[in-house]
C-alpha atoms as a PDB file:
ATOM      1  CA  MET A   1     -35.101  10.073  -3.541  1.00  0.00           C
ATOM      2  CA  ASP A   2     -32.666  10.039  -0.635  1.00  0.00           C
ATOM      3  CA  GLY A   3     -31.335   7.495   1.837  1.00  0.00           C
ATOM      4  CA  LEU A   4     -29.180   4.424   2.370  1.00  0.00           C
ATOM      5  CA  LEU A   5     -29.578   0.954   0.938  1.00  0.00           C
ATOM      6  CA  LEU A   6     -27.903  -2.256   2.119  1.00  0.00           C
ATOM      7  CA  VAL A   7     -27.179  -4.780  -0.623  1.00  0.00           C
ATOM      8  CA  ASP A   8     -25.602  -8.253  -0.576  1.00  0.00           C
ATOM      9  CA  LYS A   9     -23.203  -8.104  -3.534  1.00  0.00           C
ATOM     10  CA  PRO A  10     -22.844 -11.428  -5.361  1.00  0.00           C
ATOM     11  CA  SER A  11     -19.554 -12.787  -6.683  1.00  0.00           C
ATOM     12  CA  GLY A  12     -18.769 -11.698 -10.223  1.00  0.00           C
ATOM     13  CA  TRP A  13     -20.481  -8.321  -9.858  1.00  0.00           C
ATOM     14  CA  THR A  14     -18.444  -5.148  -9.545  1.00  0.00           C
ATOM     15  CA  SER A  15     -19.580  -2.536  -7.057  1.00  0.00           C
ATOM     16  CA  PHE A  16     -20.463  -0.349 -10.052  1.00  0.00           C
ATOM     17  CA  ASP A  17     -22.662  -3.139 -11.453  1.00  0.00           C
ATOM     18  CA  VAL A  18     -24.692  -3.054  -8.233  1.00  0.00           C
ATOM     19  CA  VAL A  19     -24.924   0.740  -8.315  1.00  0.00           C
ATOM     20  CA  ALA A  20     -26.048   0.673 -11.958  1.00  0.00           C
ATOM     21  CA  ARG A  21     -28.733  -1.944 -11.269  1.00  0.00           C
ATOM     22  CA  VAL A  22     -30.156  -0.052  -8.291  1.00  0.00           C
ATOM     23  CA  ARG A  23     -30.030   3.229 -10.202  1.00  0.00           C
ATOM     24  CA  SER A  24     -31.995   1.634 -13.040  1.00  0.00           C
ATOM     25  CA  ILE A  25     -34.723   0.423 -10.686  1.00  0.00           C
ATOM     26  CA  LEU A  26     -34.956   3.796  -8.928  1.00  0.00           C
ATOM     27  CA  ARG A  27     -35.253   5.563 -12.273  1.00  0.00           C
ATOM     28  CA  GLN A  28     -38.194   3.334 -13.123  1.00  0.00           C
ATOM     29  CA  VAL A  29     -39.816   4.133  -9.776  1.00  0.00           C
ATOM     30  CA  LYS A  30     -39.285   7.861 -10.221  1.00  0.00           C
ATOM     31  CA  SER A  31     -40.464   7.737 -13.834  1.00  0.00           C
ATOM     32  CA  GLU A  32     -43.703   5.998 -12.834  1.00  0.00           C
ATOM     33  CA  LYS A  33     -44.344   8.636 -10.171  1.00  0.00           C
ATOM     34  CA  LEU A  34     -43.719  11.439 -12.647  1.00  0.00           C
ATOM     35  CA  LYS A  35     -46.019   9.825 -15.206  1.00  0.00           C
ATOM     36  CA  ALA A  36     -48.765   9.483 -12.627  1.00  0.00           C
ATOM     37  CA  GLU A  37     -48.464  13.163 -11.778  1.00  0.00           C
ATOM     38  CA  GLY A  38     -48.173  14.167 -15.445  1.00  0.00           C
ATOM     39  CA  LYS A  39     -51.336  12.355 -16.493  1.00  0.00           C
ATOM     40  CA  LYS A  40     -53.318  14.942 -14.610  1.00  0.00           C
ATOM     41  CA  GLN A  41     -52.363  17.554 -17.196  1.00  0.00           C
ATOM     42  CA  LEU A  42     -51.042  15.703 -20.274  1.00  0.00           C
ATOM     43  CA  SER A  43     -51.742  12.564 -22.215  1.00  0.00           C
ATOM     44  CA  THR A  44     -49.274   9.740 -21.478  1.00  0.00           C
ATOM     45  CA  LEU A  45     -47.646  10.092 -24.903  1.00  0.00           C
ATOM     46  CA  ASP A  46     -47.274  13.856 -24.623  1.00  0.00           C
ATOM     47  CA  PHE A  47     -45.806  13.471 -21.143  1.00  0.00           C
ATOM     48  CA  GLN A  48     -43.258  10.864 -22.280  1.00  0.00           C
ATOM     49  CA  LEU A  49     -42.202  13.075 -25.185  1.00  0.00           C
ATOM     50  CA  SER A  50     -41.857  16.183 -23.060  1.00  0.00           C
ATOM     51  CA  THR A  51     -40.134  14.625 -20.010  1.00  0.00           C
ATOM     52  CA  PRO A  52     -36.528  13.362 -20.113  1.00  0.00           C
ATOM     53  CA  SER A  53     -35.450  10.189 -18.294  1.00  0.00           C
ATOM     54  CA  PRO A  54     -35.313  11.123 -14.593  1.00  0.00           C
ATOM     55  CA  LYS A  55     -31.893  11.406 -12.993  1.00  0.00           C
ATOM     56  CA  VAL A  56     -31.197   9.507  -9.790  1.00  0.00           C
ATOM     57  CA  LYS A  57     -27.929   9.770  -7.872  1.00  0.00           C
ATOM     58  CA  VAL A  58     -26.601   6.458  -6.487  1.00  0.00           C
ATOM     59  CA  GLY A  59     -23.128   5.661  -5.153  1.00  0.00           C
ATOM     60  CA  HIS A  60     -21.379   3.158  -2.899  1.00  0.00           C
ATOM     61  CA  THR A  61     -19.371   3.739   0.269  1.00  0.00           C
ATOM     62  CA  GLY A  62     -16.585   1.205  -0.147  1.00  0.00           C
ATOM     63  CA  THR A  63     -15.622  -0.998  -3.080  1.00  0.00           C
ATOM     64  CA  LEU A  64     -15.784  -4.776  -2.938  1.00  0.00           C
ATOM     65  CA  ASP A  65     -13.690  -6.705  -5.466  1.00  0.00           C
ATOM     66  CA  PRO A  66     -15.684  -8.582  -8.132  1.00  0.00           C
ATOM     67  CA  LEU A  67     -14.858 -11.973  -6.573  1.00  0.00           C
ATOM     68  CA  ALA A  68     -15.800 -10.782  -3.067  1.00  0.00           C
ATOM     69  CA  THR A  69     -19.351 -10.930  -1.743  1.00  0.00           C
ATOM     70  CA  GLY A  70     -21.335  -9.322   1.016  1.00  0.00           C
ATOM     71  CA  LEU A  71     -22.455  -6.028   2.402  1.00  0.00           C
ATOM     72  CA  LEU A  72     -22.358  -2.988   0.172  1.00  0.00           C
ATOM     73  CA  VAL A  73     -23.762   0.246   1.606  1.00  0.00           C
ATOM     74  CA  LEU A  74     -25.238   2.422  -1.122  1.00  0.00           C
ATOM     75  CA  VAL A  75     -26.025   6.129  -0.840  1.00  0.00           C
ATOM     76  CA  ILE A  76     -28.954   7.644  -2.742  1.00  0.00           C
ATOM     77  CA  GLY A  77     -29.772  11.231  -3.658  1.00  0.00           C
ATOM     78  CA  SER A  78     -28.486  13.823  -1.174  1.00  0.00           C
ATOM     79  CA  TYR A  79     -26.839  11.024   0.830  1.00  0.00           C
ATOM     80  CA  THR A  80     -24.172  10.717  -1.903  1.00  0.00           C
ATOM     81  CA  LYS A  81     -22.586  13.804  -0.343  1.00  0.00           C
ATOM     82  CA  ARG A  82     -22.064  11.733   2.824  1.00  0.00           C
ATOM     83  CA  ALA A  83     -20.365   8.764   1.117  1.00  0.00           C
ATOM     84  CA  GLY A  84     -17.017   9.560   2.743  1.00  0.00           C
ATOM     85  CA  GLU A  85     -18.617   9.520   6.179  1.00  0.00           C
ATOM     86  CA  PHE A  86     -19.896   5.961   5.753  1.00  0.00           C
ATOM     87  CA  SER A  87     -16.730   4.703   4.015  1.00  0.00           C
ATOM     88  CA  LYS A  88     -14.667   5.411   7.162  1.00  0.00           C
ATOM     89  CA  LEU A  89     -16.576   2.890   9.291  1.00  0.00           C
ATOM     90  CA  ASP A  90     -14.968  -0.252  10.719  1.00  0.00           C
ATOM     91  CA  LYS A  91     -15.725  -3.513   8.945  1.00  0.00           C
ATOM     92  CA  THR A  92     -16.004  -7.256   9.514  1.00  0.00           C
ATOM     93  CA  TYR A  93     -15.027  -9.908   6.981  1.00  0.00           C
ATOM     94  CA  GLU A  94     -15.186 -13.673   6.665  1.00  0.00           C
ATOM     95  CA  VAL A  95     -11.861 -14.631   5.089  1.00  0.00           C
ATOM     96  CA  THR A  96     -10.625 -17.779   3.371  1.00  0.00           C
ATOM     97  CA  MET A  97      -6.952 -18.126   2.444  1.00  0.00           C
ATOM     98  CA  LYS A  98      -4.770 -20.814   0.921  1.00  0.00           C
ATOM     99  CA  LEU A  99      -1.231 -21.652   2.004  1.00  0.00           C
ATOM    100  CA  GLY A 100       1.672 -22.856  -0.120  1.00  0.00           C
ATOM    101  CA  GLN A 101       1.484 -20.385  -3.002  1.00  0.00           C
ATOM    102  CA  THR A 102       1.383 -16.679  -3.744  1.00  0.00           C
ATOM    103  CA  SER A 103      -0.725 -14.948  -6.386  1.00  0.00           C
ATOM    104  CA  THR A 104       0.201 -11.919  -8.458  1.00  0.00           C
ATOM    105  CA  THR A 105      -3.163 -10.357  -7.603  1.00  0.00           C
ATOM    106  CA  GLY A 106      -3.344 -11.685  -4.045  1.00  0.00           C
ATOM    107  CA  ASP A 107      -6.430 -13.730  -4.909  1.00  0.00           C
ATOM    108  CA  GLU A 108      -7.665 -16.524  -7.183  1.00  0.00           C
ATOM    109  CA  GLU A 109      -7.441 -14.429 -10.357  1.00  0.00           C
ATOM    110  CA  GLY A 110      -3.663 -14.061 -10.426  1.00  0.00           C
ATOM    111  CA  ASP A 111      -0.804 -16.245 -11.620  1.00  0.00           C
ATOM    112  CA  LYS A 112       0.274 -18.625  -8.846  1.00  0.00           C
ATOM    113  CA  THR A 113       3.830 -19.278  -7.663  1.00  0.00           C
ATOM    114  CA  PRO A 114       4.609 -22.260  -5.382  1.00  0.00           C
ATOM    115  CA  VAL A 115       6.451 -21.196  -2.221  1.00  0.00           C
ATOM    116  CA  SER A 116       6.538 -24.099   0.233  1.00  0.00           C
ATOM    117  CA  ASP A 117       4.812 -27.384   1.020  1.00  0.00           C
ATOM    118  CA  ILE A 118       5.413 -26.956   4.753  1.00  0.00           C
ATOM    119  CA  LYS A 119       2.252 -27.706   6.740  1.00  0.00           C
ATOM    120  CA  PRO A 120       2.206 -25.392   9.787  1.00  0.00           C
ATOM    121  CA  SER A 121       0.579 -26.581  13.006  1.00  0.00           C
ATOM    122  CA  LYS A 122      -2.639 -25.015  14.252  1.00  0.00           C
ATOM    123  CA  ASP A 123      -0.639 -23.404  17.076  1.00  0.00           C
ATOM    124  CA  ALA A 124       1.746 -21.854  14.540  1.00  0.00           C
ATOM    125  CA  ILE A 125      -1.221 -20.501  12.588  1.00  0.00           C
ATOM    126  CA  LEU A 126      -2.775 -18.953  15.696  1.00  0.00           C
ATOM    127  CA  ALA A 127       0.548 -17.453  16.773  1.00  0.00           C
ATOM    128  CA  ALA A 128       1.134 -15.901  13.336  1.00  0.00           C
ATOM    129  CA  ILE A 129      -2.365 -14.439  13.226  1.00  0.00           C
ATOM    130  CA  LYS A 130      -2.009 -13.034  16.735  1.00  0.00           C
ATOM    131  CA  ARG A 131       1.059 -11.041  15.691  1.00  0.00           C
ATOM    132  CA  PHE A 132      -1.055  -8.963  13.319  1.00  0.00           C
ATOM    133  CA  GLU A 133      -3.719  -7.928  15.805  1.00  0.00           C
ATOM    134  CA  GLY A 134      -3.665  -4.317  16.986  1.00  0.00           C
ATOM    135  CA  ASP A 135      -2.252  -1.260  15.206  1.00  0.00           C
ATOM    136  CA  ILE A 136       0.006  -2.277  12.318  1.00  0.00           C
ATOM    137  CA  MET A 137       1.672  -0.669   9.326  1.00  0.00           C
ATOM    138  CA  GLN A 138       0.254  -2.220   6.177  1.00  0.00           C
ATOM    139  CA  THR A 139       1.219  -1.703   2.548  1.00  0.00           C
ATOM    140  CA  PRO A 140      -1.911  -1.737   0.361  1.00  0.00           C
ATOM    141  CA  HIS A 141      -1.920  -4.351  -2.377  1.00  0.00           C
ATOM    142  CA  LYS A 142      -0.773  -3.168  -5.805  1.00  0.00           C
ATOM    143  CA  PHE A 143      -4.059  -4.540  -7.175  1.00  0.00           C
ATOM    144  CA  SER A 144      -6.066  -2.214  -4.939  1.00  0.00           C
ATOM    145  CA  ALA A 145      -8.347   0.626  -6.054  1.00  0.00           C
ATOM    146  CA  ILE A 146      -6.075   3.296  -4.577  1.00  0.00           C
ATOM    147  CA  LYS A 147      -5.415   6.139  -7.004  1.00  0.00           C
ATOM    148  CA  ILE A 148      -1.856   6.972  -8.081  1.00  0.00           C
ATOM    149  CA  ASN A 149      -1.599  10.210 -10.052  1.00  0.00           C
ATOM    150  CA  GLY A 150      -5.277   9.909 -10.897  1.00  0.00           C
ATOM    151  CA  GLN A 151      -5.188   6.264 -11.966  1.00  0.00           C
ATOM    152  CA  ARG A 152      -6.266   3.159 -10.069  1.00  0.00           C
ATOM    153  CA  ALA A 153      -3.347   1.069  -8.809  1.00  0.00           C
ATOM    154  CA  TYR A 154      -4.830  -2.147 -10.191  1.00  0.00           C
ATOM    155  CA  LYS A 155      -5.072  -0.652 -13.691  1.00  0.00           C
ATOM    156  CA  LEU A 156      -1.397   0.327 -13.581  1.00  0.00           C
ATOM    157  CA  ALA A 157      -0.435  -3.117 -12.258  1.00  0.00           C
ATOM    158  CA  ARG A 158      -2.420  -4.922 -14.959  1.00  0.00           C
ATOM    159  CA  SER A 159      -0.728  -2.851 -17.642  1.00  0.00           C
ATOM    160  CA  GLY A 160       2.660  -3.984 -16.342  1.00  0.00           C
ATOM    161  CA  GLN A 161       3.650  -0.681 -14.776  1.00  0.00           C
ATOM    162  CA  GLU A 162       5.556  -0.475 -11.526  1.00  0.00           C
ATOM    163  CA  VAL A 163       3.291   0.331  -8.575  1.00  0.00           C
ATOM    164  CA  GLN A 164       4.723   1.849  -5.409  1.00  0.00           C
ATOM    165  CA  LEU A 165       2.378   2.279  -2.444  1.00  0.00           C
ATOM    166  CA  GLU A 166       3.364   3.624   0.950  1.00  0.00           C
ATOM    167  CA  PRO A 167       2.599   1.721   4.186  1.00  0.00           C
ATOM    168  CA  ARG A 168      -0.208   3.126   6.301  1.00  0.00           C
ATOM    169  CA  LYS A 169      -1.448   2.488   9.813  1.00  0.00           C
ATOM    170  CA  VAL A 170      -4.515   0.279  10.136  1.00  0.00           C
ATOM    171  CA  THR A 171      -6.056  -1.557  13.064  1.00  0.00           C
ATOM    172  CA  ILE A 172      -6.838  -5.262  13.198  1.00  0.00           C
ATOM    173  CA  PHE A 173      -9.226  -5.413  16.150  1.00  0.00           C
ATOM    174  CA  SER A 174      -9.498  -9.200  16.155  1.00  0.00           C
ATOM    175  CA  MET A 175      -9.173 -12.347  14.066  1.00  0.00           C
ATOM    176  CA  THR A 176     -11.380 -15.074  15.490  1.00  0.00           C
ATOM    177  CA  ASP A 177     -13.190 -18.297  14.602  1.00  0.00           C
ATOM    178  CA  VAL A 178     -10.023 -19.697  13.046  1.00  0.00           C
ATOM    179  CA  ASN A 179     -10.683 -22.929  11.164  1.00  0.00           C
ATOM    180  CA  TYR A 180      -7.641 -24.695   9.714  1.00  0.00           C
ATOM    181  CA  SER A 181      -7.463 -27.663   7.362  1.00  0.00           C
ATOM    182  CA  TYR A 182      -4.295 -27.508   5.280  1.00  0.00           C
ATOM    183  CA  PRO A 183      -3.920 -25.733   2.900  1.00  0.00           C
ATOM    184  CA  GLU A 184      -7.010 -23.689   3.823  1.00  0.00           C
ATOM    185  CA  ILE A 185      -7.493 -21.263   6.694  1.00  0.00           C
ATOM    186  CA  LYS A 186     -10.788 -19.544   7.471  1.00  0.00           C
ATOM    187  CA  PHE A 187     -11.262 -16.755  10.014  1.00  0.00           C
ATOM    188  CA  THR A 188     -13.360 -13.706  10.859  1.00  0.00           C
ATOM    189  CA  ALA A 189     -11.554 -10.360  10.862  1.00  0.00           C
ATOM    190  CA  GLU A 190     -12.758  -7.145  12.484  1.00  0.00           C
ATOM    191  CA  VAL A 191     -10.713  -4.295  11.035  1.00  0.00           C
ATOM    192  CA  SER A 192     -10.533  -0.549  10.662  1.00  0.00           C
ATOM    193  CA  SER A 193     -11.424   1.270   7.488  1.00  0.00           C
ATOM    194  CA  GLY A 194      -8.569   1.190   4.987  1.00  0.00           C
ATOM    195  CA  THR A 195      -7.449  -2.352   5.817  1.00  0.00           C
ATOM    196  CA  TYR A 196      -6.643  -4.530   2.802  1.00  0.00           C
ATOM    197  CA  ILE A 197      -7.467  -8.152   3.526  1.00  0.00           C
ATOM    198  CA  ARG A 198      -5.425  -9.445   0.581  1.00  0.00           C
ATOM    199  CA  SER A 199      -2.364  -7.719   2.028  1.00  0.00           C
ATOM    200  CA  LEU A 200      -3.153  -9.131   5.476  1.00  0.00           C
ATOM    201  CA  VAL A 201      -3.415 -12.653   4.048  1.00  0.00           C
ATOM    202  CA  GLU A 202      -0.119 -12.289   2.184  1.00  0.00           C
ATOM    203  CA  ASP A 203       1.591 -10.981   5.329  1.00  0.00           C
ATOM    204  CA  ILE A 204       0.332 -13.956   7.365  1.00  0.00           C
ATOM    205  CA  GLY A 205       1.597 -16.336   4.674  1.00  0.00           C
ATOM    206  CA  SER A 206       4.963 -14.601   4.675  1.00  0.00           C
ATOM    207  CA  LYS A 207       5.193 -14.846   8.460  1.00  0.00           C
ATOM    208  CA  LEU A 208       4.461 -18.582   8.245  1.00  0.00           C
ATOM    209  CA  GLY A 209       7.058 -19.022   5.493  1.00  0.00           C
ATOM    210  CA  THR A 210       4.521 -20.743   3.258  1.00  0.00           C
ATOM    211  CA  GLY A 211       3.161 -17.956   1.108  1.00  0.00           C
ATOM    212  CA  ALA A 212      -0.600 -17.441   0.881  1.00  0.00           C
ATOM    213  CA  TYR A 213      -3.334 -15.813  -1.127  1.00  0.00           C
ATOM    214  CA  MET A 214      -7.000 -15.037  -0.532  1.00  0.00           C
ATOM    215  CA  THR A 215      -9.533 -17.436  -2.058  1.00  0.00           C
ATOM    216  CA  ALA A 216     -12.786 -15.971  -0.710  1.00  0.00           C
ATOM    217  CA  LEU A 217     -13.957 -12.813   1.049  1.00  0.00           C
ATOM    218  CA  ARG A 218     -17.374 -11.903   2.429  1.00  0.00           C
ATOM    219  CA  ARG A 219     -18.114  -8.596   4.162  1.00  0.00           C
ATOM    220  CA  THR A 220     -20.651  -9.038   6.943  1.00  0.00           C
ATOM    221  CA  ARG A 221     -20.589  -5.673   8.723  1.00  0.00           C
ATOM    222  CA  VAL A 222     -19.940  -1.997   8.004  1.00  0.00           C
ATOM    223  CA  GLY A 223     -20.167   0.075  11.194  1.00  0.00           C
ATOM    224  CA  THR A 224     -23.550  -0.799  12.687  1.00  0.00           C
ATOM    225  CA  PHE A 225     -24.932  -2.077   9.371  1.00  0.00           C
ATOM    226  CA  VAL A 226     -25.071  -5.864   9.066  1.00  0.00           C
ATOM    227  CA  LEU A 227     -25.396  -8.268   6.164  1.00  0.00           C
ATOM    228  CA  HIS A 228     -28.523  -9.855   7.632  1.00  0.00           C
ATOM    229  CA  ASP A 229     -30.471  -6.684   6.748  1.00  0.00           C
ATOM    230  CA  ALA A 230     -29.216  -6.457   3.149  1.00  0.00           C
ATOM    231  CA  LEU A 231     -31.221  -7.090  -0.011  1.00  0.00           C
ATOM    232  CA  VAL A 232     -30.145  -9.989  -2.234  1.00  0.00           C
ATOM    233  CA  MET A 233     -29.429  -8.708  -5.739  1.00  0.00           C
ATOM    234  CA  ASP A 234     -31.412 -11.268  -7.738  1.00  0.00           C
ATOM    235  CA  ARG A 235     -34.458 -10.655  -5.554  1.00  0.00           C
ATOM    236  CA  ILE A 236     -34.493  -6.868  -5.687  1.00  0.00           C
ATOM    237  CA  THR A 237     -37.751  -5.334  -6.880  1.00  0.00           C
ATOM    238  CA  ALA A 238     -38.892  -1.742  -6.907  1.00  0.00           C
ATOM    239  CA  GLU A 239     -41.243  -2.449  -4.013  1.00  0.00           C
ATOM    240  CA  LYS A 240     -38.574  -4.159  -1.876  1.00  0.00           C
ATOM    241  CA  LEU A 241     -36.079  -1.431  -2.656  1.00  0.00           C
ATOM    242  CA  GLU A 242     -38.449   1.318  -1.570  1.00  0.00           C
ATOM    243  CA  LYS A 243     -39.288  -0.485   1.685  1.00  0.00           C
ATOM    244  CA  ALA A 244     -35.623  -1.195   2.454  1.00  0.00           C
ATOM    245  CA  ARG A 245     -34.415   2.379   1.957  1.00  0.00           C
ATOM    246  CA  ARG A 246     -33.061   3.909   5.195  1.00  0.00           C
ATOM    247  CA  TYR A 247     -32.913   7.563   6.274  1.00  0.00           C
END
């Protein structure tokens, strides 16, 4: 079993939850095929006793936070060796952010700290956003999945340890479709691989002098793969999964 699978990750699911669910379905598919072949030589009971649960390799090509939704590109079988190739693709996100406060985690989960009740104009919002387009140096959020000495940054941060991450160059190709109704800003961001939207949101809030944190995130594109073609998790069946697998 090899190939790619596009899945629309729901809020509240980790990327690993999605991988585990798909792996479970694929194991069932593979098990049924093995049983069908085994019945030619053994009774069903004998075959079940003599054959271990089939192994199926499934991985993802770029983590989405539990609260985020949208496109997750999964790799199956021999394609797991190519996970790094697909994780380096550019991405598109629909972003919602809230002004006036910061969050310890950069999103809704963290402790909030009021910063300012200033209500920037739409022109000020557009000007601030424009300043971040192009090649920029961005410091990944301390609640990211980046590994530090073998441990995830977010695990260190949650345990109260100091997290130091170095700035890195990323590219913000565009931020469009800006919709502003204080304290909420919505926009679509096309970015390079390695861009942290929570950090981008915090930087925009800092530039505005209001503080900000991300309240919603939906990934709609990874390279040439688009959300429209993805399977919805609560509707996934073995038959749909098999038909949707790409090579």
